[in-house]
Amino acid sequence: MNYVYILKSMAENWAYIGCCDDLRKRFLQHNCGKVRSTKARRPYKLAYYEAYGDLSLARKREFELKNNNSKKEELFGRIF
């Protein structure tokens, strides 16, 4: 299973969108400071995730959320 996820920083008003195949492992990596792009804004809570059976669909959705402000704002409006 592949996941697209959104992490919310509990230290700052900041969110991170990512994609992975093992959500629990990746979440621990983010909170332990093993991911360079998220290390400075720890700790995190898992705000949202979507599961996909196909990696290409998950990557497509991640790209859509990162690059399409209207899609991201729509989703963030429902989550936050």
PDB file of N, CA and C in Angstrom:
ATOM      1  N   MET A   1       0.849  -1.175   0.000  1.00  0.00           N
ATOM      2  CA  MET A   1       0.000   0.000   0.000  1.00  0.00           C
ATOM      3  C   MET A   1       0.893   1.235   0.000  1.00  0.00           C
ATOM      4  N   ASN A   2       0.483   2.244  -0.717  1.00  0.00           N
ATOM      5  CA  ASN A   2       1.210   3.511  -0.801  1.00  0.00           C
ATOM      6  C   ASN A   2       0.335   4.615  -0.244  1.00  0.00           C
ATOM      7  N   TYR A   3       0.962   5.594   0.378  1.00  0.00           N
ATOM      8  CA  TYR A   3       0.226   6.639   1.091  1.00  0.00           C
ATOM      9  C   TYR A   3       0.680   8.024   0.675  1.00  0.00           C
ATOM     10  N   VAL A   4      -0.273   8.927   0.597  1.00  0.00           N
ATOM     11  CA  VAL A   4      -0.014  10.357   0.511  1.00  0.00           C
ATOM     12  C   VAL A   4      -0.456  10.898   1.861  1.00  0.00           C
ATOM     13  N   TYR A   5       0.403  11.685   2.505  1.00  0.00           N
ATOM     14  CA  TYR A   5       0.095  12.113   3.866  1.00  0.00           C
ATOM     15  C   TYR A   5       0.397  13.587   4.058  1.00  0.00           C
ATOM     16  N   ILE A   6      -0.244  14.143   5.075  1.00  0.00           N
ATOM     17  CA  ILE A   6       0.002  15.526   5.461  1.00  0.00           C
ATOM     18  C   ILE A   6       0.360  15.536   6.942  1.00  0.00           C
ATOM     19  N   LEU A   7       1.512  16.096   7.240  1.00  0.00           N
ATOM     20  CA  LEU A   7       1.949  16.271   8.617  1.00  0.00           C
ATOM     21  C   LEU A   7       1.743  17.718   9.012  1.00  0.00           C
ATOM     22  N   LYS A   8       1.302  17.940  10.210  1.00  0.00           N
ATOM     23  CA  LYS A   8       1.122  19.290  10.756  1.00  0.00           C
ATOM     24  C   LYS A   8       2.129  19.476  11.872  1.00  0.00           C
ATOM     25  N   SER A   9       2.933  20.514  11.768  1.00  0.00           N
ATOM     26  CA  SER A   9       3.900  20.814  12.811  1.00  0.00           C
ATOM     27  C   SER A   9       3.174  21.328  14.049  1.00  0.00           C
ATOM     28  N   MET A  10       3.550  20.826  15.199  1.00  0.00           N
ATOM     29  CA  MET A  10       2.970  21.311  16.445  1.00  0.00           C
ATOM     30  C   MET A  10       3.777  22.486  16.993  1.00  0.00           C
ATOM     31  N   ALA A  11       4.942  22.777  16.405  1.00  0.00           N
ATOM     32  CA  ALA A  11       5.783  23.886  16.842  1.00  0.00           C
ATOM     33  C   ALA A  11       5.492  25.169  16.066  1.00  0.00           C
ATOM     34  N   GLU A  12       5.086  25.036  14.799  1.00  0.00           N
ATOM     35  CA  GLU A  12       4.846  26.191  13.941  1.00  0.00           C
ATOM     36  C   GLU A  12       3.572  25.961  13.134  1.00  0.00           C
ATOM     37  N   ASN A  13       3.112  26.994  12.485  1.00  0.00           N
ATOM     38  CA  ASN A  13       1.971  26.878  11.585  1.00  0.00           C
ATOM     39  C   ASN A  13       2.505  26.457  10.217  1.00  0.00           C
ATOM     40  N   TRP A  14       2.747  25.155  10.051  1.00  0.00           N
ATOM     41  CA  TRP A  14       3.390  24.638   8.854  1.00  0.00           C
ATOM     42  C   TRP A  14       2.923  23.215   8.609  1.00  0.00           C
ATOM     43  N   ALA A  15       2.742  22.859   7.360  1.00  0.00           N
ATOM     44  CA  ALA A  15       2.319  21.509   6.994  1.00  0.00           C
ATOM     45  C   ALA A  15       3.247  20.957   5.924  1.00  0.00           C
ATOM     46  N   TYR A  16       3.393  19.634   5.913  1.00  0.00           N
ATOM     47  CA  TYR A  16       4.256  18.949   4.956  1.00  0.00           C
ATOM     48  C   TYR A  16       3.438  17.884   4.236  1.00  0.00           C
ATOM     49  N   ILE A  17       3.575  17.810   2.929  1.00  0.00           N
ATOM     50  CA  ILE A  17       2.904  16.799   2.118  1.00  0.00           C
ATOM     51  C   ILE A  17       3.954  15.833   1.620  1.00  0.00           C
ATOM     52  N   GLY A  18       3.698  14.538   1.791  1.00  0.00           N
ATOM     53  CA  GLY A  18       4.654  13.536   1.352  1.00  0.00           C
ATOM     54  C   GLY A  18       3.980  12.283   0.847  1.00  0.00           C
ATOM     55  N   CYS A  19       4.810  11.346   0.376  1.00  0.00           N
ATOM     56  CA  CYS A  19       4.341  10.084  -0.176  1.00  0.00           C
ATOM     57  C   CYS A  19       5.300   8.987   0.284  1.00  0.00           C
ATOM     58  N   CYS A  20       4.768   7.820   0.647  1.00  0.00           N
ATOM     59  CA  CYS A  20       5.621   6.729   1.099  1.00  0.00           C
ATOM     60  C   CYS A  20       4.885   5.400   0.969  1.00  0.00           C
ATOM     61  N   ASP A  21       5.601   4.312   1.247  1.00  0.00           N
ATOM     62  CA  ASP A  21       4.964   3.000   1.219  1.00  0.00           C
ATOM     63  C   ASP A  21       4.775   2.411   2.620  1.00  0.00           C
ATOM     64  N   ASP A  22       5.428   2.973   3.622  1.00  0.00           N
ATOM     65  CA  ASP A  22       5.260   2.531   5.009  1.00  0.00           C
ATOM     66  C   ASP A  22       5.040   3.777   5.873  1.00  0.00           C
ATOM     67  N   LEU A  23       3.786   4.085   6.119  1.00  0.00           N
ATOM     68  CA  LEU A  23       3.432   5.344   6.775  1.00  0.00           C
ATOM     69  C   LEU A  23       3.948   5.418   8.212  1.00  0.00           C
ATOM     70  N   ARG A  24       3.845   4.349   8.959  1.00  0.00           N
ATOM     71  CA  ARG A  24       4.323   4.375  10.356  1.00  0.00           C
ATOM     72  C   ARG A  24       5.817   4.633  10.434  1.00  0.00           C
ATOM     73  N   LYS A  25       6.576   3.938   9.604  1.00  0.00           N
ATOM     74  CA  LYS A  25       8.028   4.118   9.588  1.00  0.00           C
ATOM     75  C   LYS A  25       8.401   5.545   9.181  1.00  0.00           C
ATOM     76  N   ARG A  26       7.735   6.055   8.145  1.00  0.00           N
ATOM     77  CA  ARG A  26       8.042   7.399   7.655  1.00  0.00           C
ATOM     78  C   ARG A  26       7.674   8.468   8.684  1.00  0.00           C
ATOM     79  N   PHE A  27       6.548   8.277   9.369  1.00  0.00           N
ATOM     80  CA  PHE A  27       6.141   9.220  10.406  1.00  0.00           C
ATOM     81  C   PHE A  27       7.193   9.269  11.528  1.00  0.00           C
ATOM     82  N   LEU A  28       7.696   8.128  11.932  1.00  0.00           N
ATOM     83  CA  LEU A  28       8.750   8.086  12.962  1.00  0.00           C
ATOM     84  C   LEU A  28      10.019   8.767  12.469  1.00  0.00           C
ATOM     85  N   GLN A  29      10.368   8.587  11.206  1.00  0.00           N
ATOM     86  CA  GLN A  29      11.550   9.252  10.650  1.00  0.00           C
ATOM     87  C   GLN A  29      11.401  10.774  10.718  1.00  0.00           C
ATOM     88  N   HIS A  30      10.222  11.274  10.394  1.00  0.00           N
ATOM     89  CA  HIS A  30       9.984  12.719  10.465  1.00  0.00           C
ATOM     90  C   HIS A  30      10.125  13.218  11.898  1.00  0.00           C
ATOM     91  N   ASN A  31       9.533  12.530  12.850  1.00  0.00           N
ATOM     92  CA  ASN A  31       9.552  12.989  14.240  1.00  0.00           C
ATOM     93  C   ASN A  31      10.892  12.770  14.933  1.00  0.00           C
ATOM     94  N   CYS A  32      11.714  11.869  14.423  1.00  0.00           N
ATOM     95  CA  CYS A  32      13.044  11.646  15.004  1.00  0.00           C
ATOM     96  C   CYS A  32      14.106  12.557  14.397  1.00  0.00           C
ATOM     97  N   GLY A  33      13.735  13.353  13.405  1.00  0.00           N
ATOM     98  CA  GLY A  33      14.678  14.286  12.799  1.00  0.00           C
ATOM     99  C   GLY A  33      15.541  13.681  11.721  1.00  0.00           C
ATOM    100  N   LYS A  34      15.117  12.559  11.128  1.00  0.00           N
ATOM    101  CA  LYS A  34      15.909  11.897  10.097  1.00  0.00           C
ATOM    102  C   LYS A  34      15.583  12.364   8.683  1.00  0.00           C
ATOM    103  N   VAL A  35      14.652  13.323   8.562  1.00  0.00           N
ATOM    104  CA  VAL A  35      14.283  13.869   7.252  1.00  0.00           C
ATOM    105  C   VAL A  35      14.707  15.336   7.237  1.00  0.00           C
ATOM    106  N   ARG A  36      15.615  15.663   6.344  1.00  0.00           N
ATOM    107  CA  ARG A  36      16.211  16.998   6.327  1.00  0.00           C
ATOM    108  C   ARG A  36      15.162  18.110   6.180  1.00  0.00           C
ATOM    109  N   SER A  37      14.181  17.907   5.313  1.00  0.00           N
ATOM    110  CA  SER A  37      13.219  18.972   5.034  1.00  0.00           C
ATOM    111  C   SER A  37      12.244  19.233   6.169  1.00  0.00           C
ATOM    112  N   THR A  38      12.143  18.333   7.126  1.00  0.00           N
ATOM    113  CA  THR A  38      11.189  18.525   8.220  1.00  0.00           C
ATOM    114  C   THR A  38      11.850  18.571   9.602  1.00  0.00           C
ATOM    115  N   LYS A  39      13.148  18.401   9.653  1.00  0.00           N
ATOM    116  CA  LYS A  39      13.846  18.295  10.940  1.00  0.00           C
ATOM    117  C   LYS A  39      13.662  19.524  11.834  1.00  0.00           C
ATOM    118  N   ALA A  40      13.652  20.701  11.269  1.00  0.00           N
ATOM    119  CA  ALA A  40      13.626  21.930  12.065  1.00  0.00           C
ATOM    120  C   ALA A  40      12.269  22.252  12.682  1.00  0.00           C
ATOM    121  N   ARG A  41      11.204  21.631  12.200  1.00  0.00           N
ATOM    122  CA  ARG A  41       9.861  22.009  12.659  1.00  0.00           C
ATOM    123  C   ARG A  41       9.177  20.921  13.479  1.00  0.00           C
ATOM    124  N   ARG A  42       9.946  20.040  14.079  1.00  0.00           N
ATOM    125  CA  ARG A  42       9.391  18.953  14.892  1.00  0.00           C
ATOM    126  C   ARG A  42       8.788  19.490  16.172  1.00  0.00           C
ATOM    127  N   PRO A  43       7.890  18.784  16.798  1.00  0.00           N
ATOM    128  CA  PRO A  43       7.264  17.489  16.477  1.00  0.00           C
ATOM    129  C   PRO A  43       6.065  17.664  15.540  1.00  0.00           C
ATOM    130  N   TYR A  44       5.622  16.532  15.000  1.00  0.00           N
ATOM    131  CA  TYR A  44       4.520  16.517  14.047  1.00  0.00           C
ATOM    132  C   TYR A  44       3.393  15.634  14.532  1.00  0.00           C
ATOM    133  N   LYS A  45       2.213  15.941  14.002  1.00  0.00           N
ATOM    134  CA  LYS A  45       1.091  15.028  14.145  1.00  0.00           C
ATOM    135  C   LYS A  45       0.627  14.697  12.729  1.00  0.00           C
ATOM    136  N   LEU A  46       0.125  13.498  12.561  1.00  0.00           N
ATOM    137  CA  LEU A  46      -0.397  13.084  11.268  1.00  0.00           C
ATOM    138  C   LEU A  46      -1.785  13.683  11.120  1.00  0.00           C
ATOM    139  N   ALA A  47      -1.932  14.630  10.205  1.00  0.00           N
ATOM    140  CA  ALA A  47      -3.195  15.333  10.047  1.00  0.00           C
ATOM    141  C   ALA A  47      -4.131  14.619   9.083  1.00  0.00           C
ATOM    142  N   TYR A  48      -3.562  13.928   8.080  1.00  0.00           N
ATOM    143  CA  TYR A  48      -4.399  13.345   7.036  1.00  0.00           C
ATOM    144  C   TYR A  48      -3.576  12.362   6.225  1.00  0.00           C
ATOM    145  N   TYR A  49      -4.230  11.322   5.705  1.00  0.00           N
ATOM    146  CA  TYR A  49      -3.567  10.447   4.739  1.00  0.00           C
ATOM    147  C   TYR A  49      -4.581   9.809   3.808  1.00  0.00           C
ATOM    148  N   GLU A  50      -4.106   9.428   2.638  1.00  0.00           N
ATOM    149  CA  GLU A  50      -4.886   8.707   1.639  1.00  0.00           C
ATOM    150  C   GLU A  50      -4.085   7.473   1.253  1.00  0.00           C
ATOM    151  N   ALA A  51      -4.753   6.330   1.089  1.00  0.00           N
ATOM    152  CA  ALA A  51      -4.091   5.087   0.717  1.00  0.00           C
ATOM    153  C   ALA A  51      -4.357   4.767  -0.753  1.00  0.00           C
ATOM    154  N   TYR A  52      -3.324   4.301  -1.435  1.00  0.00           N
ATOM    155  CA  TYR A  52      -3.403   3.939  -2.845  1.00  0.00           C
ATOM    156  C   TYR A  52      -2.753   2.575  -3.043  1.00  0.00           C
ATOM    157  N   GLY A  53      -3.334   1.776  -3.926  1.00  0.00           N
ATOM    158  CA  GLY A  53      -2.755   0.484  -4.252  1.00  0.00           C
ATOM    159  C   GLY A  53      -1.626   0.589  -5.254  1.00  0.00           C
ATOM    160  N   ASP A  54      -1.571   1.675  -5.976  1.00  0.00           N
ATOM    161  CA  ASP A  54      -0.595   1.869  -7.042  1.00  0.00           C
ATOM    162  C   ASP A  54       0.301   3.071  -6.718  1.00  0.00           C
ATOM    163  N   LEU A  55       1.599   2.881  -6.780  1.00  0.00           N
ATOM    164  CA  LEU A  55       2.547   3.956  -6.471  1.00  0.00           C
ATOM    165  C   LEU A  55       2.381   5.148  -7.409  1.00  0.00           C
ATOM    166  N   SER A  56       2.123   4.892  -8.676  1.00  0.00           N
ATOM    167  CA  SER A  56       1.999   5.997  -9.630  1.00  0.00           C
ATOM    168  C   SER A  56       0.801   6.886  -9.297  1.00  0.00           C
ATOM    169  N   LEU A  57      -0.286   6.316  -8.805  1.00  0.00           N
ATOM    170  CA  LEU A  57      -1.443   7.121  -8.400  1.00  0.00           C
ATOM    171  C   LEU A  57      -1.125   7.967  -7.170  1.00  0.00           C
ATOM    172  N   ALA A  58      -0.394   7.385  -6.232  1.00  0.00           N
ATOM    173  CA  ALA A  58      -0.001   8.124  -5.029  1.00  0.00           C
ATOM    174  C   ALA A  58       0.918   9.286  -5.387  1.00  0.00           C
ATOM    175  N   ARG A  59       1.882   9.051  -6.249  1.00  0.00           N
ATOM    176  CA  ARG A  59       2.807  10.113  -6.670  1.00  0.00           C
ATOM    177  C   ARG A  59       2.065  11.221  -7.426  1.00  0.00           C
ATOM    178  N   LYS A  60       1.116  10.820  -8.246  1.00  0.00           N
ATOM    179  CA  LYS A  60       0.324  11.800  -8.989  1.00  0.00           C
ATOM    180  C   LYS A  60      -0.460  12.693  -8.039  1.00  0.00           C
ATOM    181  N   ARG A  61      -1.063  12.102  -7.004  1.00  0.00           N
ATOM    182  CA  ARG A  61      -1.833  12.874  -6.032  1.00  0.00           C
ATOM    183  C   ARG A  61      -0.915  13.796  -5.226  1.00  0.00           C
ATOM    184  N   GLU A  62       0.257  13.297  -4.825  1.00  0.00           N
ATOM    185  CA  GLU A  62       1.211  14.128  -4.099  1.00  0.00           C
ATOM    186  C   GLU A  62       1.609  15.334  -4.945  1.00  0.00           C
ATOM    187  N   PHE A  63       1.915  15.098  -6.204  1.00  0.00           N
ATOM    188  CA  PHE A  63       2.292  16.187  -7.115  1.00  0.00           C
ATOM    189  C   PHE A  63       1.149  17.179  -7.249  1.00  0.00           C
ATOM    190  N   GLU A  64      -0.080  16.667  -7.363  1.00  0.00           N
ATOM    191  CA  GLU A  64      -1.251  17.530  -7.483  1.00  0.00           C
ATOM    192  C   GLU A  64      -1.403  18.435  -6.269  1.00  0.00           C
ATOM    193  N   LEU A  65      -1.242  17.881  -5.079  1.00  0.00           N
ATOM    194  CA  LEU A  65      -1.390  18.676  -3.861  1.00  0.00           C
ATOM    195  C   LEU A  65      -0.270  19.696  -3.699  1.00  0.00           C
ATOM    196  N   LYS A  66       0.932  19.319  -4.090  1.00  0.00           N
ATOM    197  CA  LYS A  66       2.063  20.229  -3.939  1.00  0.00           C
ATOM    198  C   LYS A  66       2.063  21.350  -4.972  1.00  0.00           C
ATOM    199  N   ASN A  67       1.447  21.118  -6.130  1.00  0.00           N
ATOM    200  CA  ASN A  67       1.559  22.082  -7.222  1.00  0.00           C
ATOM    201  C   ASN A  67       0.252  22.729  -7.654  1.00  0.00           C
ATOM    202  N   ASN A  68      -0.854  22.328  -7.087  1.00  0.00           N
ATOM    203  CA  ASN A  68      -2.142  22.905  -7.452  1.00  0.00           C
ATOM    204  C   ASN A  68      -2.749  23.543  -6.207  1.00  0.00           C
ATOM    205  N   ASN A  69      -2.624  24.863  -6.103  1.00  0.00           N
ATOM    206  CA  ASN A  69      -3.077  25.554  -4.896  1.00  0.00           C
ATOM    207  C   ASN A  69      -4.557  25.378  -4.617  1.00  0.00           C
ATOM    208  N   SER A  70      -5.384  25.314  -5.644  1.00  0.00           N
ATOM    209  CA  SER A  70      -6.824  25.160  -5.389  1.00  0.00           C
ATOM    210  C   SER A  70      -7.136  23.795  -4.785  1.00  0.00           C
ATOM    211  N   LYS A  71      -6.470  22.746  -5.258  1.00  0.00           N
ATOM    212  CA  LYS A  71      -6.676  21.403  -4.681  1.00  0.00           C
ATOM    213  C   LYS A  71      -6.165  21.357  -3.247  1.00  0.00           C
ATOM    214  N   LYS A  72      -4.999  21.965  -3.015  1.00  0.00           N
ATOM    215  CA  LYS A  72      -4.424  21.976  -1.673  1.00  0.00           C
ATOM    216  C   LYS A  72      -5.299  22.780  -0.720  1.00  0.00           C
ATOM    217  N   GLU A  73      -5.750  23.949  -1.138  1.00  0.00           N
ATOM    218  CA  GLU A  73      -6.604  24.777  -0.279  1.00  0.00           C
ATOM    219  C   GLU A  73      -7.923  24.089   0.031  1.00  0.00           C
ATOM    220  N   GLU A  74      -8.478  23.391  -0.943  1.00  0.00           N
ATOM    221  CA  GLU A  74      -9.728  22.656  -0.722  1.00  0.00           C
ATOM    222  C   GLU A  74      -9.528  21.582   0.343  1.00  0.00           C
ATOM    223  N   LEU A  75      -8.463  20.813   0.227  1.00  0.00           N
ATOM    224  CA  LEU A  75      -8.184  19.757   1.203  1.00  0.00           C
ATOM    225  C   LEU A  75      -7.844  20.337   2.567  1.00  0.00           C
ATOM    226  N   PHE A  76      -7.002  21.362   2.607  1.00  0.00           N
ATOM    227  CA  PHE A  76      -6.636  21.990   3.877  1.00  0.00           C
ATOM    228  C   PHE A  76      -7.853  22.590   4.561  1.00  0.00           C
ATOM    229  N   GLY A  77      -8.785  23.127   3.777  1.00  0.00           N
ATOM    230  CA  GLY A  77     -10.014  23.668   4.351  1.00  0.00           C
ATOM    231  C   GLY A  77     -10.833  22.611   5.066  1.00  0.00           C
ATOM    232  N   ARG A  78     -10.822  21.398   4.541  1.00  0.00           N
ATOM    233  CA  ARG A  78     -11.556  20.300   5.191  1.00  0.00           C
ATOM    234  C   ARG A  78     -10.807  19.771   6.415  1.00  0.00           C
ATOM    235  N   ILE A  79      -9.482  19.771   6.358  1.00  0.00           N
ATOM    236  CA  ILE A  79      -8.677  19.181   7.444  1.00  0.00           C
ATOM    237  C   ILE A  79      -8.517  20.145   8.608  1.00  0.00           C
ATOM    238  N   PHE A  80      -8.097  21.379   8.310  1.00  0.00           N
ATOM    239  CA  PHE A  80      -7.725  22.315   9.375  1.00  0.00           C
ATOM    240  C   PHE A  80      -8.861  23.227   9.629  1.00  0.00           C
TER     241      PHE A  80
END
